[in-house]
């Protein structure tokens, strides 16, 4: 840069600085009445002789140690211009911290010109200068004491927490009492069964002893009869002999009685084993429910803490430099960037390789099966976009990773590679659009059932085509535009991930080829600088996943429904830059 250029730049900077300093010095205070002792409203004005214009600056001082939010409507009665009405604040809200001050930095520019042709005739003399101001009034409404509001909310949360803890303690006490009562009943039942078994065993032994005594007596009588027969044979030449059939009958009868006793003892042992197993199963299910309750409470706490940071009071605040409809960009192609982050939920089907072990009538029973189960996760979405927009056309590319977990920690989603682009064209208020998206769908699910040991994991790549219409409300507004999209989705799974998918037509497990196209529906409400609310719904989504078991070879059997519902819903914060 030459010496002359540097000199000219320095001179220009000094002139601008002098003008700015002069403007600050020439501001004049405007007297306004004070309507609320908690706040002091002050106004300054500055007359510019160069263009016959006057600029107004508004200040609000908080005279208390509490935080407030309010609406201040101002009416200016101006010479040459007429009556002007407006609301202070870029978001039409005045927000003041304790003992803080609202300044023109948080407000729009309020400048009015009398016009180059007639300002000399209608402007008002003001000493050595001029003014347009004939009168000023303002009204304060919708005053919200945020400090008291927060205190009330904190008290409400504390009361709710105390009530929840009291309820949880009472429920825990009831569960413990029920478990103790069940345990006592089971022990009493066991003692009764043992007593009954002892008595039956004693009766069986007594019966057996009586039968043995009768048998001995019978045998004695037979032997006596044999001796008598022998004597008679010797004297009278007649004989009857011993009966082998009777001996065989007695042996069979004794074996039958022993087998009945053995079967009865075995059945009683199975019943005892089944009762012990049922008691263990009930206790295990109760422990599982308690663990799921604790896990759900922990999830809600984590989501609440993070959510207060994401959806804070700055959501929706707009810097005028970053709005779409800036005067200098009217009718031009505006480049833009956007970042969106917040919560969503997913409900997706997957193939679950189930290995179940249970007990029926005292016997261990094991089975393996492929089942259609739904994975549910709460996610954190982060969408990054960059593109360009005109009143009649535009587009953008995006990267949208997503990760989440089940509220009871029995599954997760880790779909980090999601990318695509969208194009749209039409009138200001209505456009058609088309979108392509690709990436991965990764879900995992386990089962907390004490009798089931299985796994379900979906790890597949996908392609998605979306098309529809987009309506824009308040399309000429500066920061209040909303875009409502209604569309159709066509999506398919592709090979390259983990596992297979179920062909909905044939019922076969497919591995190497892309799936048929899956139809879905989408709704989106995007409000610039505020939020993006969306719903994606697939009524008959293809079921896919890993089909290998922990123990054993992969299965080829699937005896469940061949499709499931995939549902996605999200409400994420949006920050846009045009």
Protein backbone atom coordinates (compact mmCIF):
# COMPACT_ATOMS: atom_id res chain seq x y z
CA UNK A 1 0.00 0.00 0.00
CA UNK A 2 1.37 3.45 -0.96
CA UNK A 3 2.01 6.29 1.44
CA UNK A 4 -0.79 8.37 -0.13
CA UNK A 5 -3.30 5.52 0.33
CA UNK A 6 -2.34 5.15 3.97
CA UNK A 7 -2.67 8.92 4.48
CA UNK A 8 -6.11 9.04 2.85
CA UNK A 9 -7.33 6.10 4.96
CA UNK A 10 -6.09 7.78 8.14
CA UNK A 11 -7.83 11.06 7.24
CA UNK A 12 -11.07 9.23 6.44
CA UNK A 13 -10.89 7.34 9.76
CA UNK A 14 -10.34 10.60 11.68
CA UNK A 15 -13.31 12.23 9.93
CA UNK A 16 -15.57 9.29 10.74
CA UNK A 17 -14.36 9.22 14.35
CA UNK A 18 -14.92 12.98 14.67
CA UNK A 19 -18.44 12.70 13.26
CA UNK A 20 -19.27 9.81 15.60
CA UNK A 21 -17.86 11.62 18.63
CA UNK A 22 -19.73 14.77 17.64
CA UNK A 23 -22.93 12.79 17.28
CA UNK A 24 -22.52 11.34 20.76
CA UNK A 25 -21.77 14.77 22.16
CA UNK A 26 -24.80 16.36 20.45
CA UNK A 27 -27.36 13.90 21.85
CA UNK A 28 -30.03 15.61 23.93
CA UNK A 29 -32.08 14.13 26.74
CA UNK A 30 -35.83 13.88 26.25
CA UNK A 31 -38.01 14.31 29.32
CA UNK A 32 -40.35 11.34 29.89
CA UNK A 33 -42.55 10.55 32.86
CA UNK A 34 -41.77 7.54 35.07
CA UNK A 35 -44.70 5.13 35.40
CA UNK A 36 -43.13 2.38 37.53
CA UNK A 37 -40.68 3.04 40.41
CA UNK A 38 -38.91 -0.27 39.68
CA UNK A 39 -37.65 1.06 36.33
CA UNK A 40 -36.24 4.33 35.07
CA UNK A 41 -36.88 4.99 31.38
CA UNK A 42 -34.67 7.58 29.67
CA UNK A 43 -34.58 8.79 26.06
CA UNK A 44 -32.01 10.66 24.01
CA UNK A 45 -32.31 12.16 20.54
CA UNK A 46 -29.83 13.28 17.94
CA UNK A 47 -30.59 15.68 15.05
CA UNK A 48 -28.62 15.26 11.83
CA UNK A 49 -28.57 18.43 9.78
CA UNK A 50 -27.07 16.56 6.81
CA UNK A 51 -30.23 14.61 5.96
CA UNK A 52 -32.85 16.32 8.06
CA UNK A 53 -33.24 13.19 10.18
CA UNK A 54 -33.47 12.50 13.88
CA UNK A 55 -32.44 9.33 15.78
CA UNK A 56 -33.84 8.20 19.14
CA UNK A 57 -32.05 6.12 21.79
CA UNK A 58 -33.91 4.34 24.61
CA UNK A 59 -32.53 3.18 27.96
CA UNK A 60 -34.26 1.28 30.78
CA UNK A 61 -32.57 1.04 34.19
CA UNK A 62 -33.59 -1.76 36.58
CA UNK A 63 -33.75 -0.21 40.06
CA UNK A 64 -34.18 -3.57 41.82
CA UNK A 65 -32.09 -6.62 42.59
CA UNK A 66 -34.46 -8.88 40.61
CA UNK A 67 -34.53 -9.95 36.96
CA UNK A 68 -37.42 -8.75 34.76
CA UNK A 69 -38.86 -9.22 31.28
CA UNK A 70 -41.41 -6.75 29.88
CA UNK A 71 -42.95 -5.21 26.77
CA UNK A 72 -42.55 -1.46 26.21
CA UNK A 73 -44.67 0.13 23.46
CA UNK A 74 -43.58 3.62 22.35
CA UNK A 75 -45.53 6.29 20.45
CA UNK A 76 -43.69 9.23 18.87
CA UNK A 77 -45.57 12.32 17.63
CA UNK A 78 -43.21 13.80 15.00
CA UNK A 79 -43.32 16.92 12.91
CA UNK A 80 -43.13 16.32 9.13
CA UNK A 81 -43.48 12.55 9.70
CA UNK A 82 -46.58 12.00 11.80
CA UNK A 83 -47.19 9.35 14.47
CA UNK A 84 -44.80 6.38 14.75
CA UNK A 85 -45.42 3.37 17.01
CA UNK A 86 -42.99 0.57 17.80
CA UNK A 87 -41.96 -1.89 20.53
CA UNK A 88 -38.50 -1.78 22.10
CA UNK A 89 -36.09 -4.71 21.66
CA UNK A 90 -34.99 -6.71 18.62
CA UNK A 91 -37.36 -9.47 19.77
CA UNK A 92 -39.94 -6.93 20.95
CA UNK A 93 -39.05 -7.77 24.55
CA UNK A 94 -36.97 -5.83 27.08
CA UNK A 95 -34.98 -8.21 29.30
CA UNK A 96 -33.04 -6.69 32.23
CA UNK A 97 -30.77 -8.44 34.72
CA UNK A 98 -30.81 -7.41 38.44
CA UNK A 99 -29.67 -3.75 38.65
CA UNK A 100 -28.94 -4.02 34.94
CA UNK A 101 -29.65 -1.70 32.05
CA UNK A 102 -31.31 -2.06 28.66
CA UNK A 103 -29.43 -0.05 26.02
CA UNK A 104 -29.74 0.68 22.28
CA UNK A 105 -27.35 -2.26 21.68
CA UNK A 106 -30.32 -4.56 22.29
CA UNK A 107 -32.72 -2.55 20.15
CA UNK A 108 -33.48 -1.68 16.54
CA UNK A 109 -32.35 1.69 15.12
CA UNK A 110 -35.12 4.31 15.45
CA UNK A 111 -34.31 7.02 12.87
CA UNK A 112 -36.81 9.21 11.04
CA UNK A 113 -36.30 11.73 8.24
CA UNK A 114 -38.44 14.70 7.38
CA UNK A 115 -37.71 14.39 3.68
CA UNK A 116 -35.23 16.32 1.55
CA UNK A 117 -37.88 18.62 0.05
CA UNK A 118 -39.94 19.88 2.95
CA UNK A 119 -37.95 19.44 6.15
CA UNK A 120 -37.05 23.13 6.24
CA UNK A 121 -40.71 24.09 6.29
CA UNK A 122 -41.98 21.66 8.96
CA UNK A 123 -39.05 20.99 11.28
CA UNK A 124 -39.15 22.57 14.74
CA UNK A 125 -36.54 25.00 16.03
CA UNK A 126 -34.53 23.79 19.01
CA UNK A 127 -32.06 26.50 20.05
CA UNK A 128 -29.23 26.39 17.54
CA UNK A 129 -30.52 23.12 16.11
CA UNK A 130 -33.80 21.52 15.07
CA UNK A 131 -36.00 18.60 16.05
CA UNK A 132 -38.95 16.55 14.81
CA UNK A 133 -40.20 15.59 18.27
CA UNK A 134 -43.57 17.03 19.26
CA UNK A 135 -44.43 14.45 21.92
CA UNK A 136 -43.52 11.02 23.27
CA UNK A 137 -45.37 8.44 25.34
CA UNK A 138 -44.81 4.84 26.30
CA UNK A 139 -46.62 1.95 27.99
CA UNK A 140 -45.09 -0.91 29.99
CA UNK A 141 -47.00 -4.23 29.94
CA UNK A 142 -46.53 -7.97 30.41
CA UNK A 143 -44.07 -7.44 33.26
CA UNK A 144 -42.63 -10.78 34.37
CA UNK A 145 -40.52 -11.08 37.50
CA UNK A 146 -38.13 -13.79 36.31
CA UNK A 147 -36.41 -14.03 39.70
CA UNK A 148 -39.68 -14.83 41.47
CA UNK A 149 -40.71 -17.09 38.59
CA UNK A 150 -37.47 -19.06 38.84
CA UNK A 151 -37.81 -19.26 42.62
CA UNK A 152 -41.37 -20.58 42.24
CA UNK A 153 -40.21 -23.12 39.66
CA UNK A 154 -37.36 -24.23 41.90
CA UNK A 155 -39.77 -24.59 44.83
CA UNK A 156 -42.16 -26.56 42.65
CA UNK A 157 -39.34 -28.84 41.51
CA UNK A 158 -38.18 -29.30 45.09
CA UNK A 159 -41.73 -30.12 46.22
CA UNK A 160 -42.15 -32.54 43.33
CA UNK A 161 -38.81 -34.14 44.10
CA UNK A 162 -39.72 -34.48 47.77
CA UNK A 163 -43.09 -35.98 46.86
CA UNK A 164 -41.43 -38.36 44.39
CA UNK A 165 -38.86 -39.43 47.00
CA UNK A 166 -41.62 -39.95 49.56
CA UNK A 167 -43.64 -41.96 47.06
CA UNK A 168 -40.59 -44.01 46.07
CA UNK A 169 -39.81 -44.71 49.75
CA UNK A 170 -43.41 -45.79 50.36
CA UNK A 171 -43.40 -47.99 47.26
CA UNK A 172 -40.06 -49.49 48.32
CA UNK A 173 -41.47 -50.21 51.76
CA UNK A 174 -44.53 -51.87 50.25
CA UNK A 175 -42.33 -53.94 47.92
CA UNK A 176 -40.12 -55.03 50.82
CA UNK A 177 -43.17 -55.94 52.90
CA UNK A 178 -44.62 -57.89 49.98
CA UNK A 179 -41.33 -59.71 49.39
CA UNK A 180 -41.11 -60.56 53.11
CA UNK A 181 -44.74 -61.76 53.13
CA UNK A 182 -44.17 -63.84 49.98
CA UNK A 183 -41.00 -65.29 51.46
CA UNK A 184 -42.79 -66.16 54.71
CA UNK A 185 -45.69 -67.73 52.81
CA UNK A 186 -43.24 -69.73 50.68
CA UNK A 187 -41.41 -70.95 53.79
CA UNK A 188 -44.68 -71.93 55.50
CA UNK A 189 -45.80 -73.73 52.37
CA UNK A 190 -42.46 -75.50 52.14
CA UNK A 191 -42.69 -76.60 55.81
CA UNK A 192 -46.25 -77.82 55.27
CA UNK A 193 -45.16 -79.79 52.20
CA UNK A 194 -42.21 -81.27 54.07
CA UNK A 195 -44.49 -82.23 56.98
CA UNK A 196 -46.97 -83.79 54.58
CA UNK A 197 -44.19 -85.68 52.80
CA UNK A 198 -42.85 -86.95 56.16
CA UNK A 199 -46.28 -88.16 57.22
CA UNK A 200 -46.91 -89.84 53.88
CA UNK A 201 -43.49 -91.49 54.06
CA UNK A 202 -44.25 -92.70 57.59
CA UNK A 203 -47.62 -94.09 56.49
CA UNK A 204 -45.97 -95.80 53.53
CA UNK A 205 -43.38 -97.40 55.81
CA UNK A 206 -46.08 -98.54 58.25
CA UNK A 207 -48.07 -100.00 55.38
CA UNK A 208 -45.00 -101.72 54.04
CA UNK A 209 -44.22 -103.13 57.51
CA UNK A 210 -47.79 -104.45 57.90
CA UNK A 211 -47.62 -106.03 54.45
CA UNK A 212 -44.30 -107.64 55.38
CA UNK A 213 -45.78 -108.98 58.63
CA UNK A 214 -48.82 -110.32 56.78
CA UNK A 215 -46.53 -111.92 54.24
CA UNK A 216 -44.47 -113.53 57.00
CA UNK A 217 -47.62 -114.81 58.69
CA UNK A 218 -48.89 -116.14 55.39
CA UNK A 219 -45.58 -117.83 54.71
CA UNK A 220 -45.67 -119.41 58.18
CA UNK A 221 -49.16 -120.71 57.55
CA UNK A 222 -48.06 -122.13 54.20
CA UNK A 223 -45.07 -123.87 55.76
CA UNK A 224 -47.37 -125.31 58.42
CA UNK A 225 -49.68 -126.45 55.70
CA UNK A 226 -46.77 -128.08 53.81
CA UNK A 227 -45.74 -130.04 56.90
CA UNK A 228 -49.32 -131.18 57.42
CA UNK A 229 -49.54 -132.21 53.80
CA UNK A 230 -46.32 -134.14 54.05
CA UNK A 231 -47.58 -135.99 57.11
CA UNK A 232 -50.84 -136.76 55.40
CA UNK A 233 -48.97 -137.95 52.32
CA UNK A 234 -46.95 -140.32 54.38
CA UNK A 235 -50.05 -141.75 56.04
CA UNK A 236 -52.71 -141.26 53.39
CA UNK A 237 -50.68 -141.06 50.15
CA UNK A 238 -52.03 -137.47 49.07
CA UNK A 239 -49.91 -134.16 48.41
CA UNK A 240 -50.56 -130.41 47.41
CA UNK A 241 -46.90 -128.94 47.22
CA UNK A 242 -45.65 -125.15 47.18
CA UNK A 243 -47.39 -122.40 44.92
CA UNK A 244 -44.82 -120.58 42.60
CA UNK A 245 -47.59 -118.32 41.16
CA UNK A 246 -48.28 -116.89 44.58
CA UNK A 247 -44.60 -116.07 45.10
CA UNK A 248 -44.38 -114.36 41.68
CA UNK A 249 -47.49 -112.27 42.43
CA UNK A 250 -46.07 -111.12 45.75
CA UNK A 251 -42.78 -110.04 44.12
CA UNK A 252 -44.58 -108.00 41.42
CA UNK A 253 -46.80 -106.32 44.01
CA UNK A 254 -43.76 -105.26 46.03
CA UNK A 255 -42.01 -103.86 42.91
CA UNK A 256 -45.15 -101.89 41.98
CA UNK A 257 -45.35 -100.33 45.40
CA UNK A 258 -41.66 -99.35 45.28
CA UNK A 259 -42.09 -97.73 41.80
CA UNK A 260 -45.12 -95.74 42.96
CA UNK A 261 -43.16 -94.47 45.94
CA UNK A 262 -40.22 -93.50 43.69
CA UNK A 263 -42.45 -91.63 41.18
CA UNK A 264 -44.23 -89.82 43.99
CA UNK A 265 -40.94 -88.74 45.55
CA UNK A 266 -39.66 -87.60 42.13
CA UNK A 267 -42.84 -85.56 41.47
CA UNK A 268 -42.59 -83.93 44.87
CA UNK A 269 -38.94 -83.03 44.19
CA UNK A 270 -39.95 -81.44 40.83
CA UNK A 271 -42.72 -79.46 42.50
CA UNK A 272 -40.30 -78.22 45.12
CA UNK A 273 -37.78 -77.29 42.41
CA UNK A 274 -40.46 -75.44 40.38
CA UNK A 275 -41.57 -73.50 43.46
CA UNK A 276 -37.99 -72.47 44.22
CA UNK A 277 -37.50 -71.44 40.57
CA UNK A 278 -40.74 -69.38 40.53
CA UNK A 279 -39.68 -67.61 43.73
CA UNK A 280 -36.28 -66.80 42.19
CA UNK A 281 -37.93 -65.60 38.97
CA UNK A 282 -40.37 -63.30 40.81
CA UNK A 283 -37.53 -61.80 42.88
CA UNK A 284 -35.38 -61.35 39.75
CA UNK A 285 -38.24 -59.60 37.90
CA UNK A 286 -38.84 -57.32 40.89
CA UNK A 287 -35.14 -56.40 40.99
CA UNK A 288 -35.27 -55.77 37.24
CA UNK A 289 -38.25 -53.42 37.60
CA UNK A 290 -36.50 -51.53 40.39
CA UNK A 291 -33.32 -51.23 38.30
CA UNK A 292 -35.34 -49.98 35.29
CA UNK A 293 -37.08 -47.39 37.48
CA UNK A 294 -33.73 -46.10 38.77
CA UNK A 295 -32.30 -46.08 35.22
CA UNK A 296 -35.29 -44.14 33.86
CA UNK A 297 -34.99 -41.57 36.67
CA UNK A 298 -31.27 -41.16 35.93
CA UNK A 299 -32.01 -40.71 32.21
CA UNK A 300 -34.60 -38.02 32.89
CA UNK A 301 -32.18 -36.18 35.18
CA UNK A 302 -29.40 -36.25 32.57
CA UNK A 303 -31.74 -35.10 29.78
CA UNK A 304 -33.13 -32.29 31.96
CA UNK A 305 -29.68 -30.97 32.87
CA UNK A 306 -28.47 -30.97 29.25
CA UNK A 307 -31.83 -29.67 28.00
CA UNK A 308 -31.69 -26.56 30.18
CA UNK A 309 -28.41 -25.71 28.46
CA UNK A 310 -29.71 -26.40 24.92
CA UNK A 311 -33.15 -24.80 25.17
CA UNK A 312 -32.13 -21.76 27.23
CA UNK A 313 -33.58 -18.25 27.29
CA UNK A 314 -31.37 -17.21 24.36
CA UNK A 315 -33.31 -19.48 22.01
CA UNK A 316 -34.98 -17.29 19.38
CA UNK A 317 -32.83 -14.21 19.91
CA UNK A 318 -31.79 -12.77 16.58
CA UNK A 319 -28.93 -10.58 15.48
CA UNK A 320 -30.29 -8.28 12.72
CA UNK A 321 -27.07 -8.76 10.78
CA UNK A 322 -27.91 -12.45 10.21
CA UNK A 323 -31.55 -12.31 9.02
CA UNK A 324 -32.56 -13.34 5.49
CA UNK A 325 -34.51 -10.24 4.47
CA UNK A 326 -31.87 -7.57 4.99
CA UNK A 327 -32.66 -4.52 2.83
CA UNK A 328 -29.36 -4.74 0.97
CA UNK A 329 -30.02 -8.40 0.02
CA UNK A 330 -33.53 -8.01 -1.37
CA UNK A 331 -33.90 -10.05 -4.56
CA UNK A 332 -30.37 -11.46 -4.28
CA UNK A 333 -28.98 -14.95 -3.70
CA UNK A 334 -28.17 -15.18 0.02
CA UNK A 335 -25.55 -17.64 1.18
CA UNK A 336 -26.34 -19.16 4.55
CA UNK A 337 -25.12 -21.57 7.19
CA UNK A 338 -27.05 -23.24 9.99
CA UNK A 339 -26.41 -25.43 13.00
CA UNK A 340 -29.18 -27.34 14.77
CA UNK A 341 -28.90 -29.38 17.93
CA UNK A 342 -31.33 -30.86 20.41
CA UNK A 343 -33.34 -33.93 21.37
CA UNK A 344 -35.14 -36.50 19.26
CA UNK A 345 -36.56 -39.99 19.75
CA UNK A 346 -36.41 -43.11 17.56
CA UNK A 347 -38.57 -46.24 17.54
CA UNK A 348 -37.15 -48.82 15.13
CA UNK A 349 -37.64 -52.56 14.45
CA UNK A 350 -34.76 -55.06 14.43
CA UNK A 351 -34.18 -58.82 14.43
CA UNK A 352 -33.51 -60.11 17.94
CA UNK A 353 -31.64 -63.43 18.32
CA UNK A 354 -33.33 -64.79 21.44
CA UNK A 355 -31.92 -67.56 23.66
CA UNK A 356 -34.44 -68.41 26.37
CA UNK A 357 -34.04 -70.79 29.33
CA UNK A 358 -36.95 -71.47 31.67
CA UNK A 359 -38.46 -74.23 33.85
CA UNK A 360 -41.79 -75.99 33.23
CA UNK A 361 -43.13 -78.55 35.75
CA UNK A 362 -39.68 -78.80 37.31
CA UNK A 363 -37.91 -79.51 33.98
CA UNK A 364 -35.35 -77.20 32.33
CA UNK A 365 -36.49 -75.98 28.90
CA UNK A 366 -34.28 -74.08 26.42
CA UNK A 367 -35.20 -72.52 23.06
CA UNK A 368 -33.75 -70.29 20.34
CA UNK A 369 -35.73 -68.03 18.01
CA UNK A 370 -35.47 -64.92 15.85
CA UNK A 371 -37.95 -62.27 16.98
CA UNK A 372 -39.09 -58.87 15.75
CA UNK A 373 -38.44 -56.37 18.57
CA UNK A 374 -38.58 -52.56 18.70
CA UNK A 375 -35.62 -50.50 19.88
CA UNK A 376 -36.48 -47.18 21.56
CA UNK A 377 -33.84 -44.46 22.06
CA UNK A 378 -33.66 -40.81 23.08
CA UNK A 379 -31.10 -39.06 20.87
CA UNK A 380 -28.96 -35.98 20.54
CA UNK A 381 -29.16 -34.60 16.97
CA UNK A 382 -26.52 -32.27 15.52
CA UNK A 383 -27.32 -30.99 12.01
CA UNK A 384 -24.83 -28.77 10.15
CA UNK A 385 -26.00 -27.10 6.92
CA UNK A 386 -24.49 -24.77 4.34
CA UNK A 387 -26.15 -23.46 1.19
CA UNK A 388 -27.78 -20.52 -0.58
CA UNK A 389 -31.32 -19.19 -0.88
CA UNK A 390 -33.21 -16.88 -3.23
CA UNK A 391 -36.86 -15.84 -3.05
CA UNK A 392 -37.65 -18.43 -5.75
CA UNK A 393 -35.02 -21.17 -5.40
CA UNK A 394 -32.22 -22.49 -3.23
CA UNK A 395 -30.56 -25.49 -1.68
CA UNK A 396 -28.12 -26.76 0.89
CA UNK A 397 -25.94 -29.73 1.83
CA UNK A 398 -25.87 -31.14 5.34
CA UNK A 399 -24.18 -33.50 7.77
CA UNK A 400 -26.44 -34.95 10.49
CA UNK A 401 -24.86 -37.31 13.07
CA UNK A 402 -27.16 -38.82 15.68
CA UNK A 403 -26.48 -40.72 18.92
CA UNK A 404 -28.75 -41.86 21.74
CA UNK A 405 -29.58 -44.43 24.39
CA UNK A 406 -32.57 -46.24 25.83
CA UNK A 407 -34.06 -44.65 28.98
CA UNK A 408 -33.58 -47.99 30.81
CA UNK A 409 -30.13 -48.56 29.25
CA UNK A 410 -31.08 -51.70 27.32
CA UNK A 411 -30.02 -50.31 23.93
CA UNK A 412 -28.39 -47.49 22.02
CA UNK A 413 -28.22 -45.73 18.66
CA UNK A 414 -24.91 -44.59 17.13
CA UNK A 415 -25.68 -43.37 13.60
CA UNK A 416 -22.79 -40.97 13.08
CA UNK A 417 -22.62 -40.98 9.27
CA UNK A 418 -25.69 -39.22 7.83
CA UNK A 419 -25.29 -36.79 4.94
CA UNK A 420 -27.21 -35.38 1.99
CA UNK A 421 -28.59 -32.33 0.21
CA UNK A 422 -31.86 -30.58 -0.65
CA UNK A 423 -33.00 -28.39 -3.59
CA UNK A 424 -36.20 -26.31 -3.75
CA UNK A 425 -37.82 -23.92 -6.22
CA UNK A 426 -41.11 -22.06 -6.74
CA UNK A 427 -42.89 -18.96 -5.47
CA UNK A 428 -41.98 -17.02 -2.33
CA UNK A 429 -44.69 -18.71 -0.29
CA UNK A 430 -44.75 -22.21 -1.83
CA UNK A 431 -42.04 -24.40 -3.37
CA UNK A 432 -41.48 -27.99 -4.39
CA UNK A 433 -38.40 -29.71 -2.99
CA UNK A 434 -36.35 -32.86 -3.38
CA UNK A 435 -33.81 -34.33 -0.97
CA UNK A 436 -31.27 -37.15 -1.01
CA UNK A 437 -29.86 -38.62 2.18
CA UNK A 438 -27.51 -41.51 2.86
CA UNK A 439 -25.61 -42.97 5.76
CA UNK A 440 -26.02 -45.62 8.43
CA UNK A 441 -28.69 -46.87 10.81
CA UNK A 442 -27.12 -48.46 13.90
CA UNK A 443 -29.31 -49.75 16.73
CA UNK A 444 -28.53 -52.20 19.51
CA UNK A 445 -30.90 -53.86 21.99
CA UNK A 446 -30.47 -56.28 24.87
CA UNK A 447 -33.08 -57.85 27.14
CA UNK A 448 -33.29 -57.53 30.91
CA UNK A 449 -35.58 -60.57 31.22
CA UNK A 450 -33.88 -63.00 33.70
CA UNK A 451 -34.90 -65.96 31.50
CA UNK A 452 -33.65 -64.50 28.21
CA UNK A 453 -30.08 -64.07 27.00
CA UNK A 454 -30.09 -62.66 23.50
CA UNK A 455 -28.98 -59.76 21.37
CA UNK A 456 -30.29 -57.54 18.65
CA UNK A 457 -28.12 -55.31 16.51
CA UNK A 458 -28.96 -53.44 13.33
CA UNK A 459 -25.98 -52.02 11.46
CA UNK A 460 -26.96 -51.25 7.86
CA UNK A 461 -26.30 -48.49 5.35
CA UNK A 462 -29.28 -46.86 3.64
CA UNK A 463 -30.36 -44.52 0.83
CA UNK A 464 -33.31 -42.14 1.20
CA UNK A 465 -35.17 -40.05 -1.38
CA UNK A 466 -37.62 -37.41 -0.14
CA UNK A 467 -39.84 -35.08 -2.15
CA UNK A 468 -42.79 -32.81 -1.44
CA UNK A 469 -43.93 -29.21 -1.01
CA UNK A 470 -42.70 -26.47 1.32
CA UNK A 471 -44.84 -23.52 2.40
CA UNK A 472 -43.26 -20.34 3.83
CA UNK A 473 -45.24 -18.08 6.15
CA UNK A 474 -44.37 -14.38 6.64
CA UNK A 475 -41.96 -14.68 3.73
CA UNK A 476 -41.27 -10.94 3.71
CA UNK A 477 -40.57 -10.73 7.45
CA UNK A 478 -37.04 -10.23 8.72
CA UNK A 479 -36.70 -12.96 11.36
CA UNK A 480 -40.13 -14.61 11.75
CA UNK A 481 -40.25 -16.87 8.67
CA UNK A 482 -41.55 -20.42 9.12
CA UNK A 483 -41.16 -23.24 6.57
CA UNK A 484 -43.67 -26.11 6.73
CA UNK A 485 -42.79 -29.16 4.61
CA UNK A 486 -45.00 -32.15 3.73
CA UNK A 487 -43.42 -35.01 1.82
CA UNK A 488 -43.09 -38.65 0.84
CA UNK A 489 -40.06 -40.84 1.62
CA UNK A 490 -38.63 -43.76 -0.36
CA UNK A 491 -35.85 -45.58 1.48
CA UNK A 492 -33.94 -48.85 1.12
CA UNK A 493 -31.31 -50.76 3.07
CA UNK A 494 -28.06 -51.71 1.37
CA UNK A 495 -25.57 -54.55 1.96
CA UNK A 496 -22.28 -53.74 3.63
CA UNK A 497 -23.37 -53.56 7.24
CA UNK A 498 -23.86 -56.23 9.89
CA UNK A 499 -26.56 -58.85 9.41
CA UNK A 500 -29.45 -59.51 7.02
CA UNK A 501 -32.98 -58.27 6.36
CA UNK A 502 -36.31 -60.05 6.09
CA UNK A 503 -37.88 -59.92 2.62
CA UNK A 504 -41.49 -58.84 3.33
CA UNK A 505 -42.79 -60.70 0.25
CA UNK A 506 -41.08 -64.09 0.53
CA UNK A 507 -40.16 -64.21 4.21
CA UNK A 508 -36.56 -65.13 3.32
CA UNK A 509 -33.53 -63.71 5.07
CA UNK A 510 -31.57 -61.66 2.50
CA UNK A 511 -27.92 -60.69 2.79
CA UNK A 512 -26.22 -59.69 -0.45
CA UNK A 513 -28.76 -57.49 -2.30
CA UNK A 514 -30.40 -54.13 -1.53
CA UNK A 515 -33.82 -54.28 0.07
CA UNK A 516 -37.04 -53.23 -1.71
CA UNK A 517 -37.96 -49.55 -1.41
CA UNK A 518 -39.74 -48.67 1.85
CA UNK A 519 -42.46 -46.01 1.79
CA UNK A 520 -42.67 -43.34 4.50
CA UNK A 521 -44.12 -39.93 5.29
CA UNK A 522 -42.51 -36.77 6.66
CA UNK A 523 -43.57 -33.49 8.27
CA UNK A 524 -41.23 -30.61 9.14
CA UNK A 525 -41.74 -27.19 10.71
CA UNK A 526 -38.61 -25.05 10.56
CA UNK A 527 -38.74 -21.55 12.07
CA UNK A 528 -35.70 -19.45 11.23
CA UNK A 529 -33.42 -18.74 14.20
CA UNK A 530 -35.68 -20.76 16.54
CA UNK A 531 -36.31 -24.47 16.05
CA UNK A 532 -36.77 -27.40 13.69
CA UNK A 533 -39.61 -29.81 14.54
CA UNK A 534 -39.85 -32.97 12.40
CA UNK A 535 -41.67 -36.31 12.20
CA UNK A 536 -40.66 -39.26 9.99
CA UNK A 537 -43.00 -42.28 9.92
CA UNK A 538 -42.61 -45.59 8.06
CA UNK A 539 -45.71 -47.81 8.72
CA UNK A 540 -44.10 -51.00 7.28
CA UNK A 541 -40.32 -50.78 7.72
CA UNK A 542 -38.21 -53.82 6.80
CA UNK A 543 -36.88 -55.79 9.78
CA UNK A 544 -33.10 -56.35 9.74
CA UNK A 545 -30.26 -57.27 12.07
CA UNK A 546 -27.67 -59.80 13.17
CA UNK A 547 -28.97 -63.40 13.27
CA UNK A 548 -26.06 -65.13 15.03
CA UNK A 549 -26.42 -66.42 18.59
CA UNK A 550 -23.98 -66.24 21.47
CA UNK A 551 -23.78 -70.04 21.42
CA UNK A 552 -24.32 -71.82 18.13
CA UNK A 553 -24.54 -71.13 14.44
CA UNK A 554 -26.61 -68.37 12.77
CA UNK A 555 -30.30 -69.15 12.46
CA UNK A 556 -32.37 -69.22 9.29
CA UNK A 557 -35.78 -69.40 10.99
CA UNK A 558 -37.96 -66.36 11.58
CA UNK A 559 -41.48 -66.98 12.85
CA UNK A 560 -42.59 -63.40 13.54
CA UNK A 561 -44.08 -60.46 11.65
CA UNK A 562 -41.96 -59.47 8.68
CA UNK A 563 -42.17 -55.66 9.06
CA UNK A 564 -42.32 -53.11 11.88
CA UNK A 565 -42.96 -49.40 12.37
CA UNK A 566 -40.10 -46.89 12.29
CA UNK A 567 -40.92 -43.55 13.92
CA UNK A 568 -38.66 -40.52 14.41
CA UNK A 569 -39.63 -37.28 16.17
CA UNK A 570 -37.36 -34.36 16.99
CA UNK A 571 -37.52 -30.82 18.36
CA UNK A 572 -34.10 -29.23 17.93
CA UNK A 573 -32.84 -25.72 18.36
CA UNK A 574 -31.80 -23.83 15.23
CA UNK A 575 -29.27 -21.01 14.80
CA UNK A 576 -29.12 -19.55 11.27
CA UNK A 577 -26.73 -17.14 9.59
CA UNK A 578 -27.61 -15.42 6.27
